[in-house]
Amino acid sequence: MITFSTWQAFEDEHLDNKSLQLVIPKHHGAKLTDIPDDQLSEILPVVKKLASATGAENYNLLQNNGRLAHQVVDHVHFHMIPKPNPEEGMGIAWPAQKGDMDKLKQLHEALKSKM
């Protein structure tokens, strides 16, 4: 385990992929929106360094929020999942659809006004 003031990282013992790493903020929060920004600022640089340290050339970064989004543990955590070949690692089935540009522009404006 690697521990710093705002996060810790370790290998996930529940999965077969020996290079899979978990990065967890020390501040407790069930969802990403529950974690203060200053507690998140180091997370992506840490994941980047872990990916380099494991030698993963291809990998996924996963962070789930809520049961419908496949969150099982009620504490924010980030998975760095190596994808060494087509059979191993994370598989993604995302039903991509062509978007309506007018609706997307409206959504963009609505989101921008809330940020």
PDB file of N, CA and C in Angstrom:
ATOM      1  N   MET A   1       0.841  -1.183   0.000  1.00  0.00           N
ATOM      2  CA  MET A   1       0.000   0.000   0.000  1.00  0.00           C
ATOM      3  C   MET A   1       0.885   1.244   0.000  1.00  0.00           C
ATOM      4  N   ILE A   2       0.454   2.232  -0.741  1.00  0.00           N
ATOM      5  CA  ILE A   2       1.129   3.531  -0.782  1.00  0.00           C
ATOM      6  C   ILE A   2       0.165   4.526  -0.150  1.00  0.00           C
ATOM      7  N   THR A   3       0.629   5.295   0.816  1.00  0.00           N
ATOM      8  CA  THR A   3      -0.245   6.223   1.535  1.00  0.00           C
ATOM      9  C   THR A   3       0.350   7.622   1.543  1.00  0.00           C
ATOM     10  N   PHE A   4      -0.493   8.604   1.255  1.00  0.00           N
ATOM     11  CA  PHE A   4      -0.129  10.011   1.364  1.00  0.00           C
ATOM     12  C   PHE A   4      -1.199  10.715   2.178  1.00  0.00           C
ATOM     13  N   SER A   5      -1.084  12.015   2.317  1.00  0.00           N
ATOM     14  CA  SER A   5      -1.991  12.737   3.218  1.00  0.00           C
ATOM     15  C   SER A   5      -3.452  12.669   2.794  1.00  0.00           C
ATOM     16  N   THR A   6      -3.755  12.662   1.501  1.00  0.00           N
ATOM     17  CA  THR A   6      -5.155  12.712   1.068  1.00  0.00           C
ATOM     18  C   THR A   6      -5.631  11.463   0.341  1.00  0.00           C
ATOM     19  N   TRP A   7      -4.760  10.480   0.104  1.00  0.00           N
ATOM     20  CA  TRP A   7      -5.158   9.291  -0.652  1.00  0.00           C
ATOM     21  C   TRP A   7      -4.278   8.105  -0.290  1.00  0.00           C
ATOM     22  N   GLN A   8      -4.734   6.927  -0.697  1.00  0.00           N
ATOM     23  CA  GLN A   8      -3.918   5.726  -0.596  1.00  0.00           C
ATOM     24  C   GLN A   8      -4.164   4.868  -1.834  1.00  0.00           C
ATOM     25  N   ALA A   9      -3.198   4.025  -2.163  1.00  0.00           N
ATOM     26  CA  ALA A   9      -3.306   3.167  -3.338  1.00  0.00           C
ATOM     27  C   ALA A   9      -2.827   1.771  -2.986  1.00  0.00           C
ATOM     28  N   PHE A  10      -3.477   0.780  -3.568  1.00  0.00           N
ATOM     29  CA  PHE A  10      -3.077  -0.611  -3.342  1.00  0.00           C
ATOM     30  C   PHE A  10      -3.664  -1.491  -4.433  1.00  0.00           C
ATOM     31  N   GLU A  11      -3.148  -2.723  -4.523  1.00  0.00           N
ATOM     32  CA  GLU A  11      -3.663  -3.679  -5.490  1.00  0.00           C
ATOM     33  C   GLU A  11      -5.001  -4.211  -5.006  1.00  0.00           C
ATOM     34  N   ASP A  12      -5.926  -4.414  -5.938  1.00  0.00           N
ATOM     35  CA  ASP A  12      -7.241  -4.954  -5.604  1.00  0.00           C
ATOM     36  C   ASP A  12      -7.113  -6.464  -5.448  1.00  0.00           C
ATOM     37  N   GLU A  13      -7.307  -6.952  -4.241  1.00  0.00           N
ATOM     38  CA  GLU A  13      -7.126  -8.378  -3.967  1.00  0.00           C
ATOM     39  C   GLU A  13      -8.297  -9.235  -4.430  1.00  0.00           C
ATOM     40  N   HIS A  14      -9.382  -8.621  -4.868  1.00  0.00           N
ATOM     41  CA  HIS A  14     -10.566  -9.376  -5.247  1.00  0.00           C
ATOM     42  C   HIS A  14     -10.624  -9.727  -6.729  1.00  0.00           C
ATOM     43  N   LEU A  15      -9.665  -9.279  -7.499  1.00  0.00           N
ATOM     44  CA  LEU A  15      -9.704  -9.541  -8.932  1.00  0.00           C
ATOM     45  C   LEU A  15      -8.443 -10.274  -9.373  1.00  0.00           C
ATOM     46  N   ASP A  16      -8.565 -11.011 -10.464  1.00  0.00           N
ATOM     47  CA  ASP A  16      -7.447 -11.798 -10.976  1.00  0.00           C
ATOM     48  C   ASP A  16      -6.333 -10.944 -11.558  1.00  0.00           C
ATOM     49  N   ASN A  17      -6.673  -9.787 -12.080  1.00  0.00           N
ATOM     50  CA  ASN A  17      -5.677  -8.945 -12.744  1.00  0.00           C
ATOM     51  C   ASN A  17      -4.716  -8.387 -11.700  1.00  0.00           C
ATOM     52  N   LYS A  18      -3.508  -8.914 -11.652  1.00  0.00           N
ATOM     53  CA  LYS A  18      -2.563  -8.557 -10.591  1.00  0.00           C
ATOM     54  C   LYS A  18      -2.064  -7.125 -10.666  1.00  0.00           C
ATOM     55  N   SER A  19      -2.274  -6.461 -11.790  1.00  0.00           N
ATOM     56  CA  SER A  19      -1.812  -5.081 -11.901  1.00  0.00           C
ATOM     57  C   SER A  19      -2.911  -4.062 -11.634  1.00  0.00           C
ATOM     58  N   LEU A  20      -4.125  -4.535 -11.366  1.00  0.00           N
ATOM     59  CA  LEU A  20      -5.215  -3.606 -11.101  1.00  0.00           C
ATOM     60  C   LEU A  20      -4.942  -2.871  -9.796  1.00  0.00           C
ATOM     61  N   GLN A  21      -5.037  -1.568  -9.831  1.00  0.00           N
ATOM     62  CA  GLN A  21      -4.759  -0.738  -8.659  1.00  0.00           C
ATOM     63  C   GLN A  21      -6.005   0.034  -8.257  1.00  0.00           C
ATOM     64  N   LEU A  22      -6.176   0.215  -6.967  1.00  0.00           N
ATOM     65  CA  LEU A  22      -7.224   1.087  -6.443  1.00  0.00           C
ATOM     66  C   LEU A  22      -6.572   2.324  -5.862  1.00  0.00           C
ATOM     67  N   VAL A  23      -7.133   3.477  -6.168  1.00  0.00           N
ATOM     68  CA  VAL A  23      -6.693   4.735  -5.568  1.00  0.00           C
ATOM     69  C   VAL A  23      -7.915   5.298  -4.854  1.00  0.00           C
ATOM     70  N   ILE A  24      -7.745   5.563  -3.554  1.00  0.00           N
ATOM     71  CA  ILE A  24      -8.870   5.927  -2.707  1.00  0.00           C
ATOM     72  C   ILE A  24      -8.580   7.212  -1.944  1.00  0.00           C
ATOM     73  N   PRO A  25      -9.452   8.217  -2.072  1.00  0.00           N
ATOM     74  CA  PRO A  25      -9.265   9.403  -1.225  1.00  0.00           C
ATOM     75  C   PRO A  25      -9.521   9.033   0.230  1.00  0.00           C
ATOM     76  N   LYS A  26      -8.787   9.620   1.138  1.00  0.00           N
ATOM     77  CA  LYS A  26      -8.981   9.330   2.566  1.00  0.00           C
ATOM     78  C   LYS A  26     -10.269   9.964   3.097  1.00  0.00           C
ATOM     79  N   HIS A  27     -10.679  11.067   2.498  1.00  0.00           N
ATOM     80  CA  HIS A  27     -11.940  11.699   2.905  1.00  0.00           C
ATOM     81  C   HIS A  27     -13.074  10.761   2.497  1.00  0.00           C
ATOM     82  N   HIS A  28     -13.956  10.428   3.447  1.00  0.00           N
ATOM     83  CA  HIS A  28     -15.051   9.513   3.107  1.00  0.00           C
ATOM     84  C   HIS A  28     -16.145  10.242   2.344  1.00  0.00           C
ATOM     85  N   GLY A  29     -16.588   9.606   1.284  1.00  0.00           N
ATOM     86  CA  GLY A  29     -17.735  10.061   0.523  1.00  0.00           C
ATOM     87  C   GLY A  29     -18.193   8.911  -0.345  1.00  0.00           C
ATOM     88  N   ALA A  30     -19.490   8.712  -0.441  1.00  0.00           N
ATOM     89  CA  ALA A  30     -20.017   7.616  -1.247  1.00  0.00           C
ATOM     90  C   ALA A  30     -19.883   7.909  -2.744  1.00  0.00           C
ATOM     91  N   LYS A  31     -20.037   9.165  -3.131  1.00  0.00           N
ATOM     92  CA  LYS A  31     -19.990   9.538  -4.544  1.00  0.00           C
ATOM     93  C   LYS A  31     -18.958  10.641  -4.764  1.00  0.00           C
ATOM     94  N   LEU A  32     -18.525  10.770  -5.989  1.00  0.00           N
ATOM     95  CA  LEU A  32     -17.503  11.751  -6.339  1.00  0.00           C
ATOM     96  C   LEU A  32     -17.894  13.152  -5.889  1.00  0.00           C
ATOM     97  N   THR A  33     -19.166  13.490  -5.995  1.00  0.00           N
ATOM     98  CA  THR A  33     -19.627  14.824  -5.605  1.00  0.00           C
ATOM     99  C   THR A  33     -19.573  15.049  -4.096  1.00  0.00           C
ATOM    100  N   ASP A  34     -19.332  13.996  -3.321  1.00  0.00           N
ATOM    101  CA  ASP A  34     -19.204  14.110  -1.864  1.00  0.00           C
ATOM    102  C   ASP A  34     -17.779  14.433  -1.416  1.00  0.00           C
ATOM    103  N   ILE A  35     -16.823  14.397  -2.334  1.00  0.00           N
ATOM    104  CA  ILE A  35     -15.418  14.588  -1.987  1.00  0.00           C
ATOM    105  C   ILE A  35     -15.006  16.029  -2.300  1.00  0.00           C
ATOM    106  N   PRO A  36     -14.412  16.745  -1.353  1.00  0.00           N
ATOM    107  CA  PRO A  36     -13.960  18.122  -1.622  1.00  0.00           C
ATOM    108  C   PRO A  36     -12.890  18.136  -2.724  1.00  0.00           C
ATOM    109  N   ASP A  37     -12.905  19.185  -3.520  1.00  0.00           N
ATOM    110  CA  ASP A  37     -11.962  19.310  -4.639  1.00  0.00           C
ATOM    111  C   ASP A  37     -10.516  19.158  -4.199  1.00  0.00           C
ATOM    112  N   ASP A  38     -10.163  19.741  -3.041  1.00  0.00           N
ATOM    113  CA  ASP A  38      -8.762  19.669  -2.615  1.00  0.00           C
ATOM    114  C   ASP A  38      -8.348  18.240  -2.269  1.00  0.00           C
ATOM    115  N   GLN A  39      -9.307  17.363  -1.997  1.00  0.00           N
ATOM    116  CA  GLN A  39      -9.005  15.963  -1.720  1.00  0.00           C
ATOM    117  C   GLN A  39      -8.872  15.145  -3.006  1.00  0.00           C
ATOM    118  N   LEU A  40      -9.292  15.721  -4.116  1.00  0.00           N
ATOM    119  CA  LEU A  40      -9.234  15.021  -5.409  1.00  0.00           C
ATOM    120  C   LEU A  40      -8.060  15.462  -6.287  1.00  0.00           C
ATOM    121  N   SER A  41      -7.423  16.554  -5.944  1.00  0.00           N
ATOM    122  CA  SER A  41      -6.438  17.157  -6.847  1.00  0.00           C
ATOM    123  C   SER A  41      -5.243  16.267  -7.160  1.00  0.00           C
ATOM    124  N   GLU A  42      -4.910  15.334  -6.278  1.00  0.00           N
ATOM    125  CA  GLU A  42      -3.751  14.457  -6.506  1.00  0.00           C
ATOM    126  C   GLU A  42      -4.113  13.143  -7.191  1.00  0.00           C
ATOM    127  N   ILE A  43      -5.391  12.835  -7.298  1.00  0.00           N
ATOM    128  CA  ILE A  43      -5.814  11.505  -7.747  1.00  0.00           C
ATOM    129  C   ILE A  43      -5.351  11.176  -9.171  1.00  0.00           C
ATOM    130  N   LEU A  44      -5.626  12.016 -10.151  1.00  0.00           N
ATOM    131  CA  LEU A  44      -5.235  11.685 -11.529  1.00  0.00           C
ATOM    132  C   LEU A  44      -3.723  11.593 -11.706  1.00  0.00           C
ATOM    133  N   PRO A  45      -2.936  12.486 -11.120  1.00  0.00           N
ATOM    134  CA  PRO A  45      -1.485  12.294 -11.208  1.00  0.00           C
ATOM    135  C   PRO A  45      -1.022  10.969 -10.597  1.00  0.00           C
ATOM    136  N   VAL A  46      -1.676  10.544  -9.505  1.00  0.00           N
ATOM    137  CA  VAL A  46      -1.317   9.270  -8.882  1.00  0.00           C
ATOM    138  C   VAL A  46      -1.634   8.110  -9.823  1.00  0.00           C
ATOM    139  N   VAL A  47      -2.827   8.125 -10.410  1.00  0.00           N
ATOM    140  CA  VAL A  47      -3.215   7.060 -11.339  1.00  0.00           C
ATOM    141  C   VAL A  47      -2.252   7.029 -12.524  1.00  0.00           C
ATOM    142  N   LYS A  48      -1.879   8.186 -13.014  1.00  0.00           N
ATOM    143  CA  LYS A  48      -0.919   8.265 -14.125  1.00  0.00           C
ATOM    144  C   LYS A  48       0.403   7.599 -13.738  1.00  0.00           C
ATOM    145  N   LYS A  49       0.895   7.904 -12.545  1.00  0.00           N
ATOM    146  CA  LYS A  49       2.157   7.312 -12.080  1.00  0.00           C
ATOM    147  C   LYS A  49       2.025   5.806 -11.879  1.00  0.00           C
ATOM    148  N   LEU A  50       0.883   5.353 -11.369  1.00  0.00           N
ATOM    149  CA  LEU A  50       0.666   3.916 -11.194  1.00  0.00           C
ATOM    150  C   LEU A  50       0.640   3.195 -12.543  1.00  0.00           C
ATOM    151  N   ALA A  51      -0.012   3.801 -13.518  1.00  0.00           N
ATOM    152  CA  ALA A  51      -0.048   3.191 -14.844  1.00  0.00           C
ATOM    153  C   ALA A  51       1.367   3.046 -15.392  1.00  0.00           C
ATOM    154  N   SER A  52       2.175   4.072 -15.242  1.00  0.00           N
ATOM    155  CA  SER A  52       3.571   4.005 -15.695  1.00  0.00           C
ATOM    156  C   SER A  52       4.348   2.957 -14.907  1.00  0.00           C
ATOM    157  N   ALA A  53       4.165   2.929 -13.588  1.00  0.00           N
ATOM    158  CA  ALA A  53       4.918   2.001 -12.735  1.00  0.00           C
ATOM    159  C   ALA A  53       4.575   0.544 -13.027  1.00  0.00           C
ATOM    160  N   THR A  54       3.311   0.266 -13.384  1.00  0.00           N
ATOM    161  CA  THR A  54       2.919  -1.110 -13.677  1.00  0.00           C
ATOM    162  C   THR A  54       3.324  -1.526 -15.085  1.00  0.00           C
ATOM    163  N   GLY A  55       3.693  -0.549 -15.914  1.00  0.00           N
ATOM    164  CA  GLY A  55       4.050  -0.857 -17.290  1.00  0.00           C
ATOM    165  C   GLY A  55       2.845  -1.033 -18.193  1.00  0.00           C
ATOM    166  N   ALA A  56       1.671  -0.685 -17.705  1.00  0.00           N
ATOM    167  CA  ALA A  56       0.452  -0.831 -18.511  1.00  0.00           C
ATOM    168  C   ALA A  56       0.496   0.123 -19.697  1.00  0.00           C
ATOM    169  N   GLU A  57       0.470  -0.435 -20.885  1.00  0.00           N
ATOM    170  CA  GLU A  57       0.451   0.392 -22.099  1.00  0.00           C
ATOM    171  C   GLU A  57      -0.980   0.810 -22.423  1.00  0.00           C
ATOM    172  N   ASN A  58      -1.913  -0.101 -22.183  1.00  0.00           N
ATOM    173  CA  ASN A  58      -3.340   0.149 -22.408  1.00  0.00           C
ATOM    174  C   ASN A  58      -4.058  -0.107 -21.088  1.00  0.00           C
ATOM    175  N   TYR A  59      -4.951   0.785 -20.703  1.00  0.00           N
ATOM    176  CA  TYR A  59      -5.647   0.624 -19.429  1.00  0.00           C
ATOM    177  C   TYR A  59      -6.901   1.485 -19.411  1.00  0.00           C
ATOM    178  N   ASN A  60      -7.798   1.149 -18.499  1.00  0.00           N
ATOM    179  CA  ASN A  60      -9.001   1.935 -18.253  1.00  0.00           C
ATOM    180  C   ASN A  60      -8.909   2.549 -16.871  1.00  0.00           C
ATOM    181  N   LEU A  61      -9.496   3.701 -16.712  1.00  0.00           N
ATOM    182  CA  LEU A  61      -9.664   4.340 -15.411  1.00  0.00           C
ATOM    183  C   LEU A  61     -11.166   4.346 -15.151  1.00  0.00           C
ATOM    184  N   LEU A  62     -11.582   3.744 -14.044  1.00  0.00           N
ATOM    185  CA  LEU A  62     -13.005   3.577 -13.761  1.00  0.00           C
ATOM    186  C   LEU A  62     -13.330   4.130 -12.382  1.00  0.00           C
ATOM    187  N   GLN A  63     -14.444   4.855 -12.294  1.00  0.00           N
ATOM    188  CA  GLN A  63     -14.942   5.360 -11.019  1.00  0.00           C
ATOM    189  C   GLN A  63     -16.458   5.366 -11.121  1.00  0.00           C
ATOM    190  N   ASN A  64     -17.133   4.520 -10.339  1.00  0.00           N
ATOM    191  CA  ASN A  64     -18.585   4.369 -10.410  1.00  0.00           C
ATOM    192  C   ASN A  64     -19.272   5.165  -9.302  1.00  0.00           C
ATOM    193  N   ASN A  65     -20.469   5.682  -9.601  1.00  0.00           N
ATOM    194  CA  ASN A  65     -21.254   6.464  -8.642  1.00  0.00           C
ATOM    195  C   ASN A  65     -22.695   5.982  -8.630  1.00  0.00           C
ATOM    196  N   GLY A  66     -23.085   5.240  -7.601  1.00  0.00           N
ATOM    197  CA  GLY A  66     -24.457   4.752  -7.469  1.00  0.00           C
ATOM    198  C   GLY A  66     -24.623   3.325  -7.955  1.00  0.00           C
ATOM    199  N   ARG A  67     -25.645   2.665  -7.402  1.00  0.00           N
ATOM    200  CA  ARG A  67     -25.876   1.258  -7.723  1.00  0.00           C
ATOM    201  C   ARG A  67     -26.149   1.024  -9.208  1.00  0.00           C
ATOM    202  N   LEU A  68     -26.926   1.892  -9.839  1.00  0.00           N
ATOM    203  CA  LEU A  68     -27.206   1.713 -11.272  1.00  0.00           C
ATOM    204  C   LEU A  68     -25.939   1.833 -12.112  1.00  0.00           C
ATOM    205  N   ALA A  69     -24.941   2.517 -11.579  1.00  0.00           N
ATOM    206  CA  ALA A  69     -23.657   2.675 -12.269  1.00  0.00           C
ATOM    207  C   ALA A  69     -22.644   1.627 -11.798  1.00  0.00           C
ATOM    208  N   HIS A  70     -23.138   0.567 -11.148  1.00  0.00           N
ATOM    209  CA  HIS A  70     -22.320  -0.583 -10.720  1.00  0.00           C
ATOM    210  C   HIS A  70     -21.412  -0.291  -9.528  1.00  0.00           C
ATOM    211  N   GLN A  71     -21.739   0.708  -8.720  1.00  0.00           N
ATOM    212  CA  GLN A  71     -20.961   0.953  -7.503  1.00  0.00           C
ATOM    213  C   GLN A  71     -21.386  -0.052  -6.445  1.00  0.00           C
ATOM    214  N   VAL A  72     -20.416  -0.768  -5.880  1.00  0.00           N
ATOM    215  CA  VAL A  72     -20.681  -1.771  -4.850  1.00  0.00           C
ATOM    216  C   VAL A  72     -20.225  -1.268  -3.487  1.00  0.00           C
ATOM    217  N   VAL A  73     -19.078  -0.601  -3.439  1.00  0.00           N
ATOM    218  CA  VAL A  73     -18.513  -0.084  -2.189  1.00  0.00           C
ATOM    219  C   VAL A  73     -18.892   1.393  -2.058  1.00  0.00           C
ATOM    220  N   ASP A  74     -19.473   1.759  -0.923  1.00  0.00           N
ATOM    221  CA  ASP A  74     -19.935   3.133  -0.721  1.00  0.00           C
ATOM    222  C   ASP A  74     -18.823   4.051  -0.218  1.00  0.00           C
ATOM    223  N   HIS A  75     -17.718   4.046  -0.916  1.00  0.00           N
ATOM    224  CA  HIS A  75     -16.608   4.971  -0.675  1.00  0.00           C
ATOM    225  C   HIS A  75     -15.964   5.201  -2.043  1.00  0.00           C
ATOM    226  N   VAL A  76     -15.789   6.453  -2.403  1.00  0.00           N
ATOM    227  CA  VAL A  76     -15.207   6.777  -3.711  1.00  0.00           C
ATOM    228  C   VAL A  76     -13.870   6.072  -3.863  1.00  0.00           C
ATOM    229  N   HIS A  77     -13.683   5.448  -5.013  1.00  0.00           N
ATOM    230  CA  HIS A  77     -12.402   4.831  -5.336  1.00  0.00           C
ATOM    231  C   HIS A  77     -12.259   4.765  -6.849  1.00  0.00           C
ATOM    232  N   PHE A  78     -11.029   4.784  -7.288  1.00  0.00           N
ATOM    233  CA  PHE A  78     -10.700   4.775  -8.706  1.00  0.00           C
ATOM    234  C   PHE A  78      -9.956   3.487  -9.025  1.00  0.00           C
ATOM    235  N   HIS A  79     -10.385   2.807 -10.077  1.00  0.00           N
ATOM    236  CA  HIS A  79      -9.719   1.595 -10.524  1.00  0.00           C
ATOM    237  C   HIS A  79      -8.808   1.952 -11.702  1.00  0.00           C
ATOM    238  N   MET A  80      -7.562   1.536 -11.655  1.00  0.00           N
ATOM    239  CA  MET A  80      -6.678   1.603 -12.817  1.00  0.00           C
ATOM    240  C   MET A  80      -6.576   0.155 -13.296  1.00  0.00           C
ATOM    241  N   ILE A  81      -7.221  -0.138 -14.444  1.00  0.00           N
ATOM    242  CA  ILE A  81      -7.383  -1.512 -14.925  1.00  0.00           C
ATOM    243  C   ILE A  81      -6.573  -1.718 -16.198  1.00  0.00           C
ATOM    244  N   PRO A  82      -5.464  -2.424 -16.125  1.00  0.00           N
ATOM    245  CA  PRO A  82      -4.677  -2.701 -17.332  1.00  0.00           C
ATOM    246  C   PRO A  82      -5.494  -3.516 -18.346  1.00  0.00           C
ATOM    247  N   LYS A  83      -5.264  -3.263 -19.615  1.00  0.00           N
ATOM    248  CA  LYS A  83      -5.921  -3.985 -20.717  1.00  0.00           C
ATOM    249  C   LYS A  83      -4.812  -4.570 -21.594  1.00  0.00           C
ATOM    250  N   PRO A  84      -4.200  -5.697 -21.159  1.00  0.00           N
ATOM    251  CA  PRO A  84      -3.045  -6.244 -21.866  1.00  0.00           C
ATOM    252  C   PRO A  84      -3.369  -6.877 -23.216  1.00  0.00           C
ATOM    253  N   ASN A  85      -4.619  -7.296 -23.409  1.00  0.00           N
ATOM    254  CA  ASN A  85      -5.022  -7.927 -24.668  1.00  0.00           C
ATOM    255  C   ASN A  85      -6.544  -7.894 -24.757  1.00  0.00           C
ATOM    256  N   PRO A  86      -7.115  -8.298 -25.895  1.00  0.00           N
ATOM    257  CA  PRO A  86      -8.582  -8.219 -26.051  1.00  0.00           C
ATOM    258  C   PRO A  86      -9.379  -9.055 -25.048  1.00  0.00           C
ATOM    259  N   GLU A  87      -8.794 -10.121 -24.526  1.00  0.00           N
ATOM    260  CA  GLU A  87      -9.528 -11.009 -23.622  1.00  0.00           C
ATOM    261  C   GLU A  87      -9.464 -10.581 -22.162  1.00  0.00           C
ATOM    262  N   GLU A  88      -8.399  -9.938 -21.748  1.00  0.00           N
ATOM    263  CA  GLU A  88      -8.219  -9.578 -20.349  1.00  0.00           C
ATOM    264  C   GLU A  88      -8.514  -8.097 -20.118  1.00  0.00           C
ATOM    265  N   GLY A  89      -8.729  -7.755 -18.851  1.00  0.00           N
ATOM    266  CA  GLY A  89      -9.007  -6.367 -18.508  1.00  0.00           C
ATOM    267  C   GLY A  89     -10.486  -6.057 -18.651  1.00  0.00           C
ATOM    268  N   MET A  90     -10.790  -4.808 -18.720  1.00  0.00           N
ATOM    269  CA  MET A  90     -12.172  -4.365 -18.753  1.00  0.00           C
ATOM    270  C   MET A  90     -12.740  -4.419 -20.164  1.00  0.00           C
ATOM    271  N   GLY A  91     -13.969  -4.904 -20.268  1.00  0.00           N
ATOM    272  CA  GLY A  91     -14.699  -4.868 -21.530  1.00  0.00           C
ATOM    273  C   GLY A  91     -15.792  -3.812 -21.431  1.00  0.00           C
ATOM    274  N   ILE A  92     -16.034  -3.124 -22.510  1.00  0.00           N
ATOM    275  CA  ILE A  92     -17.045  -2.064 -22.484  1.00  0.00           C
ATOM    276  C   ILE A  92     -18.032  -2.277 -23.625  1.00  0.00           C
ATOM    277  N   ALA A  93     -19.297  -2.314 -23.284  1.00  0.00           N
ATOM    278  CA  ALA A  93     -20.362  -2.373 -24.276  1.00  0.00           C
ATOM    279  C   ALA A  93     -21.199  -1.109 -24.101  1.00  0.00           C
ATOM    280  N   TRP A  94     -20.949  -0.127 -24.914  1.00  0.00           N
ATOM    281  CA  TRP A  94     -21.603   1.162 -24.794  1.00  0.00           C
ATOM    282  C   TRP A  94     -22.433   1.387 -26.060  1.00  0.00           C
ATOM    283  N   PRO A  95     -23.754   1.417 -25.934  1.00  0.00           N
ATOM    284  CA  PRO A  95     -24.582   1.565 -27.130  1.00  0.00           C
ATOM    285  C   PRO A  95     -24.538   3.001 -27.675  1.00  0.00           C
ATOM    286  N   ALA A  96     -23.520   3.298 -28.460  1.00  0.00           N
ATOM    287  CA  ALA A  96     -23.361   4.646 -29.021  1.00  0.00           C
ATOM    288  C   ALA A  96     -24.507   4.948 -29.990  1.00  0.00           C
ATOM    289  N   GLN A  97     -24.989   6.169 -29.918  1.00  0.00           N
ATOM    290  CA  GLN A  97     -26.074   6.620 -30.790  1.00  0.00           C
ATOM    291  C   GLN A  97     -25.738   8.005 -31.305  1.00  0.00           C
ATOM    292  N   LYS A  98     -26.242   8.313 -32.479  1.00  0.00           N
ATOM    293  CA  LYS A  98     -26.032   9.648 -33.024  1.00  0.00           C
ATOM    294  C   LYS A  98     -26.909  10.627 -32.248  1.00  0.00           C
ATOM    295  N   GLY A  99     -26.301  11.706 -31.798  1.00  0.00           N
ATOM    296  CA  GLY A  99     -27.021  12.694 -31.003  1.00  0.00           C
ATOM    297  C   GLY A  99     -27.683  13.763 -31.845  1.00  0.00           C
ATOM    298  N   ASP A 100     -28.699  14.380 -31.293  1.00  0.00           N
ATOM    299  CA  ASP A 100     -29.379  15.513 -31.913  1.00  0.00           C
ATOM    300  C   ASP A 100     -28.587  16.761 -31.515  1.00  0.00           C
ATOM    301  N   MET A 101     -27.956  17.415 -32.474  1.00  0.00           N
ATOM    302  CA  MET A 101     -27.057  18.536 -32.178  1.00  0.00           C
ATOM    303  C   MET A 101     -27.772  19.691 -31.481  1.00  0.00           C
ATOM    304  N   ASP A 102     -29.021  19.970 -31.835  1.00  0.00           N
ATOM    305  CA  ASP A 102     -29.751  21.049 -31.166  1.00  0.00           C
ATOM    306  C   ASP A 102     -29.979  20.726 -29.689  1.00  0.00           C
ATOM    307  N   LYS A 103     -30.348  19.481 -29.399  1.00  0.00           N
ATOM    308  CA  LYS A 103     -30.549  19.070 -27.999  1.00  0.00           C
ATOM    309  C   LYS A 103     -29.217  19.071 -27.246  1.00  0.00           C
ATOM    310  N   LEU A 104     -28.144  18.656 -27.917  1.00  0.00           N
ATOM    311  CA  LEU A 104     -26.830  18.663 -27.276  1.00  0.00           C
ATOM    312  C   LEU A 104     -26.385  20.090 -26.950  1.00  0.00           C
ATOM    313  N   LYS A 105     -26.664  21.038 -27.841  1.00  0.00           N
ATOM    314  CA  LYS A 105     -26.318  22.444 -27.583  1.00  0.00           C
ATOM    315  C   LYS A 105     -27.111  22.986 -26.397  1.00  0.00           C
ATOM    316  N   GLN A 106     -28.393  22.623 -26.311  1.00  0.00           N
ATOM    317  CA  GLN A 106     -29.221  23.058 -25.180  1.00  0.00           C
ATOM    318  C   GLN A 106     -28.684  22.469 -23.874  1.00  0.00           C
ATOM    319  N   LEU A 107     -28.336  21.189 -23.900  1.00  0.00           N
ATOM    320  CA  LEU A 107     -27.776  20.548 -22.726  1.00  0.00           C
ATOM    321  C   LEU A 107     -26.470  21.213 -22.313  1.00  0.00           C
ATOM    322  N   HIS A 108     -25.623  21.511 -23.301  1.00  0.00           N
ATOM    323  CA  HIS A 108     -24.350  22.175 -23.038  1.00  0.00           C
ATOM    324  C   HIS A 108     -24.578  23.507 -22.329  1.00  0.00           C
ATOM    325  N   GLU A 109     -25.499  24.295 -22.833  1.00  0.00           N
ATOM    326  CA  GLU A 109     -25.786  25.607 -22.225  1.00  0.00           C
ATOM    327  C   GLU A 109     -26.338  25.462 -20.817  1.00  0.00           C
ATOM    328  N   ALA A 110     -27.210  24.471 -20.607  1.00  0.00           N
ATOM    329  CA  ALA A 110     -27.785  24.252 -19.283  1.00  0.00           C
ATOM    330  C   ALA A 110     -26.701  23.843 -18.279  1.00  0.00           C
ATOM    331  N   LEU A 111     -25.809  22.948 -18.703  1.00  0.00           N
ATOM    332  CA  LEU A 111     -24.719  22.522 -17.821  1.00  0.00           C
ATOM    333  C   LEU A 111     -23.752  23.670 -17.542  1.00  0.00           C
ATOM    334  N   LYS A 112     -23.436  24.430 -18.584  1.00  0.00           N
ATOM    335  CA  LYS A 112     -22.515  25.559 -18.425  1.00  0.00           C
ATOM    336  C   LYS A 112     -23.053  26.570 -17.423  1.00  0.00           C
ATOM    337  N   SER A 113     -24.359  26.802 -17.436  1.00  0.00           N
ATOM    338  CA  SER A 113     -24.944  27.781 -16.513  1.00  0.00           C
ATOM    339  C   SER A 113     -24.914  27.308 -15.061  1.00  0.00           C
ATOM    340  N   LYS A 114     -24.818  25.990 -14.847  1.00  0.00           N
ATOM    341  CA  LYS A 114     -24.791  25.430 -13.496  1.00  0.00           C
ATOM    342  C   LYS A 114     -23.381  25.297 -12.949  1.00  0.00           C
ATOM    343  N   MET A 115     -22.380  25.472 -13.784  1.00  0.00           N
ATOM    344  CA  MET A 115     -20.991  25.334 -13.329  1.00  0.00           C
ATOM    345  C   MET A 115     -20.452  26.687 -13.025  1.00  0.00           C
TER     346      MET A 115
END
